[in-house]
């Protein structure tokens, strides 16, 4: 099992809060509404508000039109034609309002696939920085958070998953992924609550 709490010690200036895709897309009334998103939003807002200068929000940006995208993404956006920039209100790509007000000093990174690493922008942003630790919040646990976690592990980051600040539209796969993170990545992943992170980040 992955250790609970900040077992590798307190967090400091080399830490970045990476909040995954807390957008209007996934809020109540959005085309991909995730009921849990509203439940974890206050915890994410508290963490991001406390460390706004050390917070980076990712945003998932859908294809411009139905059927666009490389390979299977074209099929995906034929299935989800209504969730393309041409067919939905542009407000849905924005961060949820309590988080949007933190930008700046918090930063925003747009991506067009599940992983924030694939397009190279996050690597470029972190290049030559002293960041060695990522505190991950947001959604979904079993999709974009999963892609974020695996990329961070491959790059050797210390990784802290904030257990009460992650959300999914599926309880079953959320629980399965939390078990996966705990059991199969126990040397790379710590699991801590928002309160533990706030108390341990100086």
N, C-alpha and C. Protein backbone atom coordinates (compact mmCIF):
# COMPACT_ATOMS: atom_id res chain seq x y z
N UNK A 1 0.84 -1.20 0.00
CA UNK A 1 0.00 0.00 0.00
C UNK A 1 0.87 1.25 0.00
N UNK A 2 0.41 2.27 -0.73
CA UNK A 2 1.09 3.57 -0.65
C UNK A 2 0.88 4.15 0.74
N UNK A 3 1.88 4.87 1.17
CA UNK A 3 1.80 5.44 2.51
C UNK A 3 0.78 6.56 2.54
N UNK A 4 0.15 6.69 3.69
CA UNK A 4 -0.81 7.76 3.90
C UNK A 4 -0.10 8.94 4.56
N UNK A 5 -0.40 10.15 4.07
CA UNK A 5 0.25 11.32 4.63
C UNK A 5 1.54 11.66 3.91
N UNK A 6 2.18 12.70 4.36
CA UNK A 6 3.42 13.17 3.72
C UNK A 6 4.61 12.42 4.32
N UNK A 7 4.76 11.18 3.89
CA UNK A 7 5.78 10.32 4.53
C UNK A 7 7.20 10.73 4.18
N UNK A 8 7.38 11.45 3.08
CA UNK A 8 8.72 11.88 2.70
C UNK A 8 9.04 13.28 3.20
N UNK A 9 8.26 13.74 4.13
CA UNK A 9 8.57 15.01 4.76
C UNK A 9 7.72 16.15 4.28
N UNK A 10 7.91 17.32 4.87
CA UNK A 10 7.09 18.49 4.53
C UNK A 10 7.34 18.96 3.10
N UNK A 11 6.42 19.77 2.62
CA UNK A 11 6.52 20.36 1.29
C UNK A 11 7.08 21.77 1.41
N UNK A 12 7.80 22.21 0.38
CA UNK A 12 8.41 23.53 0.44
C UNK A 12 8.31 24.27 -0.88
N UNK A 13 9.30 25.11 -1.14
CA UNK A 13 9.24 25.98 -2.32
C UNK A 13 9.43 25.21 -3.63
N UNK A 14 9.87 23.94 -3.55
CA UNK A 14 10.04 23.15 -4.76
C UNK A 14 8.78 22.39 -5.15
N UNK A 15 7.66 22.79 -4.57
CA UNK A 15 6.39 22.09 -4.77
C UNK A 15 5.47 22.91 -5.67
N UNK A 16 4.73 22.22 -6.54
CA UNK A 16 3.72 22.85 -7.40
C UNK A 16 2.40 22.13 -7.22
N UNK A 17 1.33 22.89 -7.02
CA UNK A 17 -0.02 22.34 -7.00
C UNK A 17 -0.52 22.26 -8.44
N UNK A 18 -0.74 21.06 -8.92
CA UNK A 18 -1.20 20.84 -10.29
C UNK A 18 -2.66 20.38 -10.21
N UNK A 19 -3.56 21.28 -10.58
CA UNK A 19 -5.00 21.03 -10.50
C UNK A 19 -5.52 20.69 -11.89
N UNK A 20 -6.10 19.51 -12.02
CA UNK A 20 -6.46 18.96 -13.32
C UNK A 20 -7.91 19.27 -13.69
N UNK A 21 -8.11 20.08 -14.71
CA UNK A 21 -9.37 20.20 -15.46
C UNK A 21 -10.61 20.50 -14.62
N UNK A 22 -10.49 21.41 -13.67
CA UNK A 22 -11.67 21.82 -12.89
C UNK A 22 -12.37 22.95 -13.65
N UNK A 23 -13.08 22.55 -14.70
CA UNK A 23 -13.68 23.49 -15.65
C UNK A 23 -15.20 23.42 -15.61
N UNK A 24 -15.81 24.41 -16.24
CA UNK A 24 -17.26 24.43 -16.37
C UNK A 24 -17.79 23.24 -17.15
N UNK A 25 -16.95 22.64 -18.01
CA UNK A 25 -17.32 21.42 -18.71
C UNK A 25 -17.85 20.36 -17.77
N UNK A 26 -17.25 20.31 -16.55
CA UNK A 26 -17.53 19.23 -15.61
C UNK A 26 -18.37 19.69 -14.42
N UNK A 27 -18.80 20.95 -14.46
CA UNK A 27 -19.63 21.50 -13.39
C UNK A 27 -21.10 21.17 -13.65
N UNK A 28 -21.96 21.33 -12.66
CA UNK A 28 -23.40 21.14 -12.90
C UNK A 28 -23.87 22.00 -14.07
N UNK A 29 -24.60 21.39 -14.97
CA UNK A 29 -25.06 22.10 -16.16
C UNK A 29 -24.12 22.00 -17.33
N UNK A 30 -22.90 21.49 -17.10
CA UNK A 30 -21.95 21.30 -18.18
C UNK A 30 -22.24 20.03 -18.94
N UNK A 31 -21.71 19.91 -20.16
CA UNK A 31 -22.00 18.73 -20.98
C UNK A 31 -21.43 17.44 -20.43
N UNK A 32 -20.37 17.52 -19.63
CA UNK A 32 -19.78 16.33 -19.01
C UNK A 32 -19.81 16.49 -17.48
N UNK A 33 -20.94 16.85 -16.94
CA UNK A 33 -21.04 17.15 -15.51
C UNK A 33 -20.57 15.99 -14.65
N UNK A 34 -19.72 16.31 -13.68
CA UNK A 34 -19.21 15.34 -12.70
C UNK A 34 -19.75 15.77 -11.34
N UNK A 35 -20.73 15.07 -10.80
CA UNK A 35 -21.34 15.50 -9.54
C UNK A 35 -20.34 15.76 -8.42
N UNK A 36 -19.30 14.94 -8.36
CA UNK A 36 -18.30 15.10 -7.31
C UNK A 36 -17.53 16.42 -7.42
N UNK A 37 -17.47 17.00 -8.61
CA UNK A 37 -16.64 18.19 -8.80
C UNK A 37 -17.02 19.30 -7.83
N UNK A 38 -18.31 19.50 -7.64
CA UNK A 38 -18.75 20.54 -6.71
C UNK A 38 -18.40 20.19 -5.26
N UNK A 39 -18.36 18.90 -4.97
CA UNK A 39 -18.05 18.47 -3.60
C UNK A 39 -16.59 18.72 -3.24
N UNK A 40 -15.70 18.53 -4.21
CA UNK A 40 -14.27 18.72 -3.93
C UNK A 40 -13.81 20.16 -4.20
N UNK A 41 -14.64 20.95 -4.86
CA UNK A 41 -14.25 22.32 -5.22
C UNK A 41 -13.81 23.15 -4.01
N UNK A 42 -14.52 23.15 -2.88
CA UNK A 42 -14.06 23.97 -1.75
C UNK A 42 -12.68 23.60 -1.25
N UNK A 43 -12.36 22.32 -1.23
CA UNK A 43 -11.03 21.89 -0.79
C UNK A 43 -9.96 22.36 -1.77
N UNK A 44 -10.24 22.23 -3.06
CA UNK A 44 -9.28 22.69 -4.07
C UNK A 44 -9.11 24.20 -3.99
N UNK A 45 -10.22 24.90 -3.81
CA UNK A 45 -10.15 26.37 -3.69
C UNK A 45 -9.30 26.78 -2.49
N UNK A 46 -9.45 26.09 -1.38
CA UNK A 46 -8.66 26.42 -0.20
C UNK A 46 -7.17 26.20 -0.44
N UNK A 47 -6.83 25.06 -1.04
CA UNK A 47 -5.43 24.76 -1.32
C UNK A 47 -4.85 25.74 -2.33
N UNK A 48 -5.58 25.96 -3.42
CA UNK A 48 -5.09 26.88 -4.46
C UNK A 48 -5.01 28.30 -3.95
N UNK A 49 -5.97 28.70 -3.11
CA UNK A 49 -5.95 30.05 -2.56
C UNK A 49 -4.77 30.29 -1.64
N UNK A 50 -4.40 29.25 -0.90
CA UNK A 50 -3.27 29.37 0.02
C UNK A 50 -1.94 29.43 -0.73
N UNK A 51 -1.88 28.77 -1.89
CA UNK A 51 -0.62 28.69 -2.65
C UNK A 51 -0.86 29.06 -4.12
N UNK A 52 -1.52 30.18 -4.34
CA UNK A 52 -1.90 30.56 -5.71
C UNK A 52 -0.69 30.72 -6.63
N UNK A 53 0.40 31.27 -6.10
CA UNK A 53 1.58 31.47 -6.94
C UNK A 53 2.25 30.16 -7.31
N UNK A 54 1.92 29.10 -6.58
CA UNK A 54 2.47 27.78 -6.84
C UNK A 54 1.39 26.83 -7.34
N UNK A 55 0.39 27.38 -8.03
CA UNK A 55 -0.70 26.56 -8.56
C UNK A 55 -0.75 26.69 -10.08
N UNK A 56 -0.94 25.55 -10.73
CA UNK A 56 -1.12 25.50 -12.18
C UNK A 56 -2.40 24.72 -12.46
N UNK A 57 -3.34 25.37 -13.15
CA UNK A 57 -4.58 24.73 -13.56
C UNK A 57 -4.45 24.25 -15.00
N UNK A 58 -4.78 22.99 -15.25
CA UNK A 58 -4.88 22.54 -16.64
C UNK A 58 -6.32 22.67 -17.10
N UNK A 59 -6.48 22.87 -18.40
CA UNK A 59 -7.81 22.92 -19.02
C UNK A 59 -7.82 21.99 -20.23
N UNK A 60 -8.81 21.14 -20.28
CA UNK A 60 -9.00 20.26 -21.44
C UNK A 60 -9.77 21.03 -22.50
N UNK A 61 -9.15 21.21 -23.67
CA UNK A 61 -9.76 21.98 -24.75
C UNK A 61 -10.22 21.00 -25.84
N UNK A 62 -11.53 20.87 -26.03
CA UNK A 62 -12.03 19.95 -27.05
C UNK A 62 -11.67 20.39 -28.47
N UNK A 63 -11.89 19.48 -29.41
CA UNK A 63 -11.64 19.79 -30.83
C UNK A 63 -12.55 20.93 -31.29
N UNK A 64 -12.12 21.59 -32.34
CA UNK A 64 -12.90 22.73 -32.86
C UNK A 64 -14.22 22.26 -33.46
N UNK A 65 -14.20 21.13 -34.16
CA UNK A 65 -15.40 20.66 -34.87
C UNK A 65 -15.55 19.15 -34.75
N UNK A 66 -16.77 18.65 -34.92
CA UNK A 66 -16.98 17.20 -34.89
C UNK A 66 -16.10 16.49 -35.93
N UNK A 67 -15.52 15.39 -35.52
CA UNK A 67 -14.70 14.59 -36.42
C UNK A 67 -13.27 15.06 -36.56
N UNK A 68 -12.89 16.15 -35.88
CA UNK A 68 -11.51 16.60 -35.95
C UNK A 68 -10.66 15.89 -34.91
N UNK A 69 -9.36 15.82 -35.19
CA UNK A 69 -8.42 15.22 -34.27
C UNK A 69 -7.70 14.05 -34.92
N UNK A 70 -6.50 13.73 -34.41
CA UNK A 70 -5.73 12.62 -34.99
C UNK A 70 -6.31 11.26 -34.59
N UNK A 71 -6.31 10.35 -35.54
CA UNK A 71 -6.66 8.96 -35.24
C UNK A 71 -8.02 8.81 -34.58
N UNK A 72 -8.02 8.10 -33.45
CA UNK A 72 -9.27 7.80 -32.76
C UNK A 72 -9.93 9.02 -32.12
N UNK A 73 -9.19 10.12 -32.00
CA UNK A 73 -9.82 11.34 -31.50
C UNK A 73 -10.88 11.85 -32.47
N UNK A 74 -10.69 11.61 -33.77
CA UNK A 74 -11.72 12.01 -34.74
C UNK A 74 -13.02 11.25 -34.48
N UNK A 75 -12.91 9.95 -34.21
CA UNK A 75 -14.10 9.16 -33.86
C UNK A 75 -14.72 9.67 -32.56
N UNK A 76 -13.86 9.97 -31.60
CA UNK A 76 -14.32 10.47 -30.30
C UNK A 76 -15.17 11.72 -30.48
N UNK A 77 -14.71 12.64 -31.32
CA UNK A 77 -15.44 13.90 -31.49
C UNK A 77 -16.59 13.80 -32.49
N UNK A 78 -16.72 12.68 -33.18
CA UNK A 78 -17.98 12.42 -33.85
C UNK A 78 -19.01 11.94 -32.83
N UNK A 79 -18.55 11.12 -31.89
CA UNK A 79 -19.45 10.67 -30.82
C UNK A 79 -19.88 11.83 -29.93
N UNK A 80 -18.94 12.73 -29.61
CA UNK A 80 -19.22 13.87 -28.72
C UNK A 80 -19.26 15.17 -29.52
N UNK A 81 -20.02 15.15 -30.61
CA UNK A 81 -20.08 16.33 -31.50
C UNK A 81 -20.54 17.57 -30.77
N UNK A 82 -21.42 17.38 -29.77
CA UNK A 82 -21.94 18.55 -29.05
C UNK A 82 -20.89 19.17 -28.13
N UNK A 83 -19.82 18.42 -27.83
CA UNK A 83 -18.76 18.94 -26.96
C UNK A 83 -17.56 19.32 -27.82
N UNK A 84 -17.80 20.13 -28.82
CA UNK A 84 -16.74 20.71 -29.64
C UNK A 84 -16.92 22.22 -29.58
N UNK A 85 -15.86 22.92 -29.87
CA UNK A 85 -15.89 24.38 -29.73
C UNK A 85 -16.94 25.00 -30.65
N UNK A 86 -17.21 24.36 -31.79
CA UNK A 86 -18.19 24.91 -32.72
C UNK A 86 -19.61 24.76 -32.21
N UNK A 87 -19.85 23.80 -31.32
CA UNK A 87 -21.22 23.46 -30.96
C UNK A 87 -21.57 23.71 -29.49
N UNK A 88 -20.68 24.29 -28.73
CA UNK A 88 -21.02 24.54 -27.33
C UNK A 88 -20.62 25.96 -26.94
N UNK A 89 -21.20 26.42 -25.87
CA UNK A 89 -20.88 27.74 -25.34
C UNK A 89 -19.42 27.74 -24.90
N UNK A 90 -18.61 28.71 -25.33
CA UNK A 90 -17.19 28.73 -24.97
C UNK A 90 -16.95 28.86 -23.47
N UNK A 91 -17.97 29.27 -22.71
CA UNK A 91 -17.78 29.38 -21.26
C UNK A 91 -17.43 28.04 -20.63
N UNK A 92 -17.80 26.93 -21.30
CA UNK A 92 -17.59 25.62 -20.69
C UNK A 92 -16.11 25.25 -20.59
N UNK A 93 -15.25 25.86 -21.39
CA UNK A 93 -13.83 25.53 -21.27
C UNK A 93 -13.17 26.31 -20.12
N UNK A 94 -13.86 27.30 -19.59
CA UNK A 94 -13.28 28.12 -18.52
C UNK A 94 -13.22 27.34 -17.20
N UNK A 95 -12.29 27.76 -16.35
CA UNK A 95 -12.23 27.21 -15.00
C UNK A 95 -13.51 27.55 -14.24
N UNK A 96 -13.82 26.74 -13.26
CA UNK A 96 -14.93 27.07 -12.38
C UNK A 96 -14.63 28.40 -11.69
N UNK A 97 -15.64 29.27 -11.54
CA UNK A 97 -15.40 30.64 -11.09
C UNK A 97 -14.56 30.81 -9.84
N UNK A 98 -14.73 30.00 -8.78
CA UNK A 98 -13.89 30.20 -7.59
C UNK A 98 -12.40 30.00 -7.85
N UNK A 99 -12.08 29.22 -8.88
CA UNK A 99 -10.68 28.99 -9.23
C UNK A 99 -10.19 30.02 -10.25
N UNK A 100 -11.06 30.41 -11.14
CA UNK A 100 -10.68 31.39 -12.17
C UNK A 100 -10.23 32.70 -11.56
N UNK A 101 -10.80 33.05 -10.43
CA UNK A 101 -10.44 34.33 -9.79
C UNK A 101 -9.01 34.31 -9.24
N UNK A 102 -8.41 33.14 -9.14
CA UNK A 102 -7.04 33.01 -8.62
C UNK A 102 -5.97 33.19 -9.70
N UNK A 103 -6.42 33.36 -10.95
CA UNK A 103 -5.51 33.52 -12.10
C UNK A 103 -5.50 34.97 -12.55
N UNK A 104 -4.36 35.65 -12.59
CA UNK A 104 -3.13 35.32 -11.87
C UNK A 104 -3.29 35.59 -10.38
N UNK A 105 -2.34 35.15 -9.58
CA UNK A 105 -1.00 34.66 -9.90
C UNK A 105 -0.94 33.20 -10.33
N UNK A 106 -2.00 32.41 -10.06
CA UNK A 106 -2.00 31.03 -10.57
C UNK A 106 -1.93 31.05 -12.09
N UNK A 107 -1.42 29.98 -12.66
CA UNK A 107 -1.25 29.88 -14.11
C UNK A 107 -2.21 28.85 -14.69
N UNK A 108 -2.41 28.94 -16.00
CA UNK A 108 -3.29 28.02 -16.72
C UNK A 108 -2.52 27.39 -17.87
N UNK A 109 -2.68 26.08 -18.02
CA UNK A 109 -2.06 25.34 -19.12
C UNK A 109 -3.16 24.61 -19.89
N UNK A 110 -3.32 24.93 -21.17
CA UNK A 110 -4.31 24.27 -22.01
C UNK A 110 -3.72 23.02 -22.66
N UNK A 111 -4.57 22.00 -22.81
CA UNK A 111 -4.15 20.75 -23.45
C UNK A 111 -5.33 20.22 -24.25
N UNK A 112 -5.02 19.36 -25.21
CA UNK A 112 -6.05 18.85 -26.11
C UNK A 112 -6.26 17.35 -25.98
N UNK A 113 -5.52 16.73 -25.07
CA UNK A 113 -5.64 15.30 -24.79
C UNK A 113 -5.68 15.12 -23.28
N UNK A 114 -5.82 13.90 -22.82
CA UNK A 114 -5.93 13.66 -21.39
C UNK A 114 -4.68 14.08 -20.62
N UNK A 115 -3.52 13.78 -21.17
CA UNK A 115 -2.27 14.05 -20.47
C UNK A 115 -1.81 15.50 -20.65
N UNK A 116 -1.31 16.14 -19.59
CA UNK A 116 -0.73 17.47 -19.75
C UNK A 116 0.70 17.42 -20.26
N UNK A 117 1.26 16.20 -20.38
CA UNK A 117 2.67 16.05 -20.75
C UNK A 117 2.87 15.88 -22.25
N UNK A 118 1.89 15.31 -22.95
CA UNK A 118 2.07 14.85 -24.33
C UNK A 118 2.47 15.97 -25.28
N UNK A 119 1.89 17.15 -25.10
CA UNK A 119 2.14 18.23 -26.06
C UNK A 119 3.39 19.04 -25.74
N UNK A 120 4.05 18.73 -24.63
CA UNK A 120 5.34 19.33 -24.32
C UNK A 120 5.30 20.65 -23.57
N UNK A 121 4.11 21.24 -23.41
CA UNK A 121 4.05 22.56 -22.79
C UNK A 121 4.39 22.51 -21.31
N UNK A 122 3.96 21.47 -20.63
CA UNK A 122 4.24 21.38 -19.20
C UNK A 122 5.73 21.14 -18.96
N UNK A 123 6.33 20.28 -19.75
CA UNK A 123 7.78 20.08 -19.64
C UNK A 123 8.53 21.39 -19.86
N UNK A 124 8.08 22.14 -20.86
CA UNK A 124 8.74 23.42 -21.15
C UNK A 124 8.57 24.39 -19.99
N UNK A 125 7.39 24.40 -19.40
CA UNK A 125 7.12 25.30 -18.29
C UNK A 125 7.98 24.97 -17.08
N UNK A 126 8.18 23.68 -16.85
CA UNK A 126 8.93 23.25 -15.67
C UNK A 126 10.44 23.19 -15.91
N UNK A 127 10.85 23.28 -17.17
CA UNK A 127 12.28 23.21 -17.48
C UNK A 127 13.03 24.33 -16.75
N UNK A 128 14.13 23.97 -16.18
CA UNK A 128 15.01 24.90 -15.45
C UNK A 128 14.38 25.43 -14.16
N UNK A 129 13.20 24.92 -13.80
CA UNK A 129 12.63 25.29 -12.50
C UNK A 129 13.20 24.34 -11.45
N UNK A 130 12.95 24.66 -10.23
CA UNK A 130 13.41 23.79 -9.15
C UNK A 130 12.29 22.89 -8.64
N UNK A 131 11.19 22.82 -9.38
CA UNK A 131 10.07 21.99 -8.96
C UNK A 131 10.47 20.52 -9.01
N UNK A 132 10.31 19.85 -7.89
CA UNK A 132 10.55 18.40 -7.85
C UNK A 132 9.38 17.63 -7.25
N UNK A 133 8.33 18.36 -6.83
CA UNK A 133 7.18 17.75 -6.18
C UNK A 133 5.90 18.31 -6.78
N UNK A 134 4.96 17.42 -7.08
CA UNK A 134 3.66 17.82 -7.60
C UNK A 134 2.58 17.35 -6.65
N UNK A 135 1.71 18.27 -6.26
CA UNK A 135 0.53 17.97 -5.47
C UNK A 135 -0.65 18.01 -6.43
N UNK A 136 -1.33 16.88 -6.60
CA UNK A 136 -2.32 16.74 -7.67
C UNK A 136 -3.74 16.72 -7.10
N UNK A 137 -4.59 17.57 -7.69
CA UNK A 137 -6.02 17.60 -7.38
C UNK A 137 -6.79 17.62 -8.70
N UNK A 138 -8.13 17.54 -8.60
CA UNK A 138 -8.96 17.72 -9.79
C UNK A 138 -9.61 16.45 -10.28
N UNK A 139 -9.87 16.39 -11.58
CA UNK A 139 -10.60 15.26 -12.13
C UNK A 139 -10.23 14.98 -13.58
N UNK A 140 -10.66 13.87 -14.10
CA UNK A 140 -11.23 12.80 -13.33
C UNK A 140 -10.14 11.84 -12.88
N UNK A 141 -10.35 11.27 -11.71
CA UNK A 141 -9.38 10.36 -11.10
C UNK A 141 -8.89 9.28 -12.06
N UNK A 142 -9.81 8.78 -12.88
CA UNK A 142 -9.57 7.61 -13.72
C UNK A 142 -9.33 7.96 -15.18
N UNK A 143 -9.19 9.26 -15.50
CA UNK A 143 -8.93 9.64 -16.88
C UNK A 143 -7.76 10.64 -16.90
N UNK A 144 -8.05 11.93 -16.80
CA UNK A 144 -6.99 12.93 -16.93
C UNK A 144 -6.05 12.94 -15.73
N UNK A 145 -6.55 12.66 -14.55
CA UNK A 145 -5.65 12.56 -13.40
C UNK A 145 -4.72 11.37 -13.57
N UNK A 146 -5.25 10.25 -14.06
CA UNK A 146 -4.42 9.08 -14.32
C UNK A 146 -3.30 9.41 -15.29
N UNK A 147 -3.62 10.08 -16.39
CA UNK A 147 -2.60 10.45 -17.37
C UNK A 147 -1.57 11.39 -16.77
N UNK A 148 -2.01 12.30 -15.92
CA UNK A 148 -1.12 13.25 -15.25
C UNK A 148 -0.17 12.52 -14.30
N UNK A 149 -0.73 11.60 -13.53
CA UNK A 149 0.06 10.86 -12.55
C UNK A 149 1.13 10.02 -13.23
N UNK A 150 0.76 9.28 -14.26
CA UNK A 150 1.73 8.40 -14.90
C UNK A 150 2.87 9.19 -15.53
N UNK A 151 2.55 10.33 -16.14
CA UNK A 151 3.61 11.17 -16.71
C UNK A 151 4.53 11.72 -15.65
N UNK A 152 3.96 12.10 -14.51
CA UNK A 152 4.78 12.64 -13.41
C UNK A 152 5.69 11.56 -12.83
N UNK A 153 5.15 10.35 -12.69
CA UNK A 153 5.96 9.24 -12.18
C UNK A 153 7.13 8.97 -13.12
N UNK A 154 6.86 8.93 -14.42
CA UNK A 154 7.92 8.67 -15.39
C UNK A 154 9.02 9.71 -15.32
N UNK A 155 8.67 10.94 -14.97
CA UNK A 155 9.65 12.02 -14.92
C UNK A 155 10.33 12.13 -13.55
N UNK A 156 9.94 11.30 -12.63
CA UNK A 156 10.64 11.25 -11.35
C UNK A 156 10.19 12.25 -10.31
N UNK A 157 9.04 12.86 -10.50
CA UNK A 157 8.56 13.81 -9.51
C UNK A 157 8.09 13.09 -8.25
N UNK A 158 8.31 13.71 -7.11
CA UNK A 158 7.59 13.31 -5.91
C UNK A 158 6.13 13.67 -6.16
N UNK A 159 5.24 12.75 -5.84
CA UNK A 159 3.85 12.93 -6.23
C UNK A 159 2.95 12.73 -5.02
N UNK A 160 2.14 13.75 -4.74
CA UNK A 160 1.19 13.70 -3.64
C UNK A 160 -0.21 13.82 -4.21
N UNK A 161 -1.02 12.79 -4.04
CA UNK A 161 -2.42 12.83 -4.44
C UNK A 161 -3.25 13.29 -3.26
N UNK A 162 -4.06 14.31 -3.48
CA UNK A 162 -4.88 14.85 -2.40
C UNK A 162 -6.22 14.12 -2.43
N UNK A 163 -6.38 13.20 -1.49
CA UNK A 163 -7.46 12.22 -1.57
C UNK A 163 -8.85 12.82 -1.53
N UNK A 164 -9.02 13.91 -0.81
CA UNK A 164 -10.34 14.53 -0.73
C UNK A 164 -10.49 15.71 -1.68
N UNK A 165 -9.63 15.77 -2.69
CA UNK A 165 -9.71 16.83 -3.71
C UNK A 165 -9.59 16.24 -5.11
N UNK A 166 -9.98 14.97 -5.24
CA UNK A 166 -10.03 14.29 -6.53
C UNK A 166 -11.47 13.85 -6.78
N UNK A 167 -11.88 13.83 -8.05
CA UNK A 167 -13.26 13.47 -8.36
C UNK A 167 -13.35 12.70 -9.67
N UNK A 168 -14.44 11.94 -9.76
CA UNK A 168 -14.75 11.20 -10.98
C UNK A 168 -16.26 11.09 -11.12
N UNK A 169 -16.72 10.80 -12.33
CA UNK A 169 -18.13 10.56 -12.55
C UNK A 169 -18.51 9.12 -12.22
N UNK A 170 -17.51 8.30 -11.90
CA UNK A 170 -17.76 6.90 -11.58
C UNK A 170 -17.13 6.55 -10.25
N UNK A 171 -17.95 6.23 -9.26
CA UNK A 171 -17.42 5.81 -7.97
C UNK A 171 -16.57 4.55 -8.10
N UNK A 172 -17.05 3.61 -8.92
CA UNK A 172 -16.37 2.33 -9.04
C UNK A 172 -14.95 2.48 -9.57
N UNK A 173 -14.79 3.24 -10.64
CA UNK A 173 -13.44 3.37 -11.21
C UNK A 173 -12.58 4.35 -10.42
N UNK A 174 -13.20 5.33 -9.76
CA UNK A 174 -12.44 6.18 -8.84
C UNK A 174 -11.80 5.31 -7.76
N UNK A 175 -12.61 4.47 -7.13
CA UNK A 175 -12.09 3.61 -6.07
C UNK A 175 -11.03 2.65 -6.59
N UNK A 176 -11.26 2.11 -7.79
CA UNK A 176 -10.28 1.19 -8.38
C UNK A 176 -8.96 1.88 -8.65
N UNK A 177 -9.03 3.11 -9.15
CA UNK A 177 -7.79 3.84 -9.44
C UNK A 177 -7.07 4.26 -8.18
N UNK A 178 -7.80 4.65 -7.15
CA UNK A 178 -7.14 4.98 -5.89
C UNK A 178 -6.42 3.75 -5.34
N UNK A 179 -7.05 2.59 -5.46
CA UNK A 179 -6.39 1.35 -5.03
C UNK A 179 -5.15 1.07 -5.89
N UNK A 180 -5.26 1.32 -7.19
CA UNK A 180 -4.12 1.13 -8.09
C UNK A 180 -2.97 2.05 -7.69
N UNK A 181 -3.28 3.34 -7.48
CA UNK A 181 -2.23 4.28 -7.08
C UNK A 181 -1.58 3.81 -5.79
N UNK A 182 -2.40 3.34 -4.84
CA UNK A 182 -1.88 2.92 -3.54
C UNK A 182 -1.03 1.65 -3.64
N UNK A 183 -1.53 0.67 -4.39
CA UNK A 183 -0.91 -0.65 -4.34
C UNK A 183 0.22 -0.85 -5.33
N UNK A 184 0.12 -0.23 -6.51
CA UNK A 184 1.12 -0.49 -7.55
C UNK A 184 2.17 0.61 -7.67
N UNK A 185 1.93 1.76 -7.08
CA UNK A 185 2.88 2.87 -7.18
C UNK A 185 3.29 3.36 -5.80
N UNK A 186 3.43 2.43 -4.89
CA UNK A 186 3.64 2.80 -3.48
C UNK A 186 4.98 3.48 -3.24
N UNK A 187 5.95 3.29 -4.13
CA UNK A 187 7.24 3.95 -3.95
C UNK A 187 7.26 5.36 -4.52
N UNK A 188 6.27 5.68 -5.36
CA UNK A 188 6.26 6.99 -6.01
C UNK A 188 5.11 7.89 -5.59
N UNK A 189 4.08 7.33 -4.99
CA UNK A 189 2.87 8.10 -4.71
C UNK A 189 2.59 8.16 -3.22
N UNK A 190 2.35 9.37 -2.74
CA UNK A 190 1.84 9.57 -1.38
C UNK A 190 0.39 10.01 -1.49
N UNK A 191 -0.41 9.63 -0.53
CA UNK A 191 -1.82 10.01 -0.50
C UNK A 191 -2.07 10.78 0.79
N UNK A 192 -2.51 12.02 0.64
CA UNK A 192 -2.70 12.89 1.81
C UNK A 192 -3.99 13.68 1.65
N UNK A 193 -4.56 14.09 2.76
CA UNK A 193 -5.75 14.94 2.73
C UNK A 193 -5.34 16.40 2.50
N UNK A 194 -6.32 17.20 2.15
CA UNK A 194 -6.06 18.63 1.99
C UNK A 194 -5.47 19.21 3.28
N UNK A 195 -6.04 18.83 4.40
CA UNK A 195 -5.55 19.35 5.67
C UNK A 195 -4.10 18.97 5.92
N UNK A 196 -3.74 17.74 5.60
CA UNK A 196 -2.34 17.31 5.77
C UNK A 196 -1.41 18.09 4.85
N UNK A 197 -1.86 18.35 3.62
CA UNK A 197 -1.04 19.14 2.70
C UNK A 197 -0.89 20.56 3.20
N UNK A 198 -1.99 21.18 3.62
CA UNK A 198 -1.92 22.56 4.11
C UNK A 198 -1.02 22.68 5.32
N UNK A 199 -1.09 21.71 6.20
CA UNK A 199 -0.25 21.75 7.41
C UNK A 199 1.21 21.44 7.09
N UNK A 200 1.45 20.71 6.01
CA UNK A 200 2.82 20.28 5.70
C UNK A 200 3.52 21.06 4.63
N UNK A 201 2.87 22.11 4.06
CA UNK A 201 3.46 22.90 2.98
C UNK A 201 3.82 24.27 3.54
N UNK A 202 5.12 24.49 3.65
CA UNK A 202 5.62 25.73 4.28
C UNK A 202 6.41 26.57 3.28
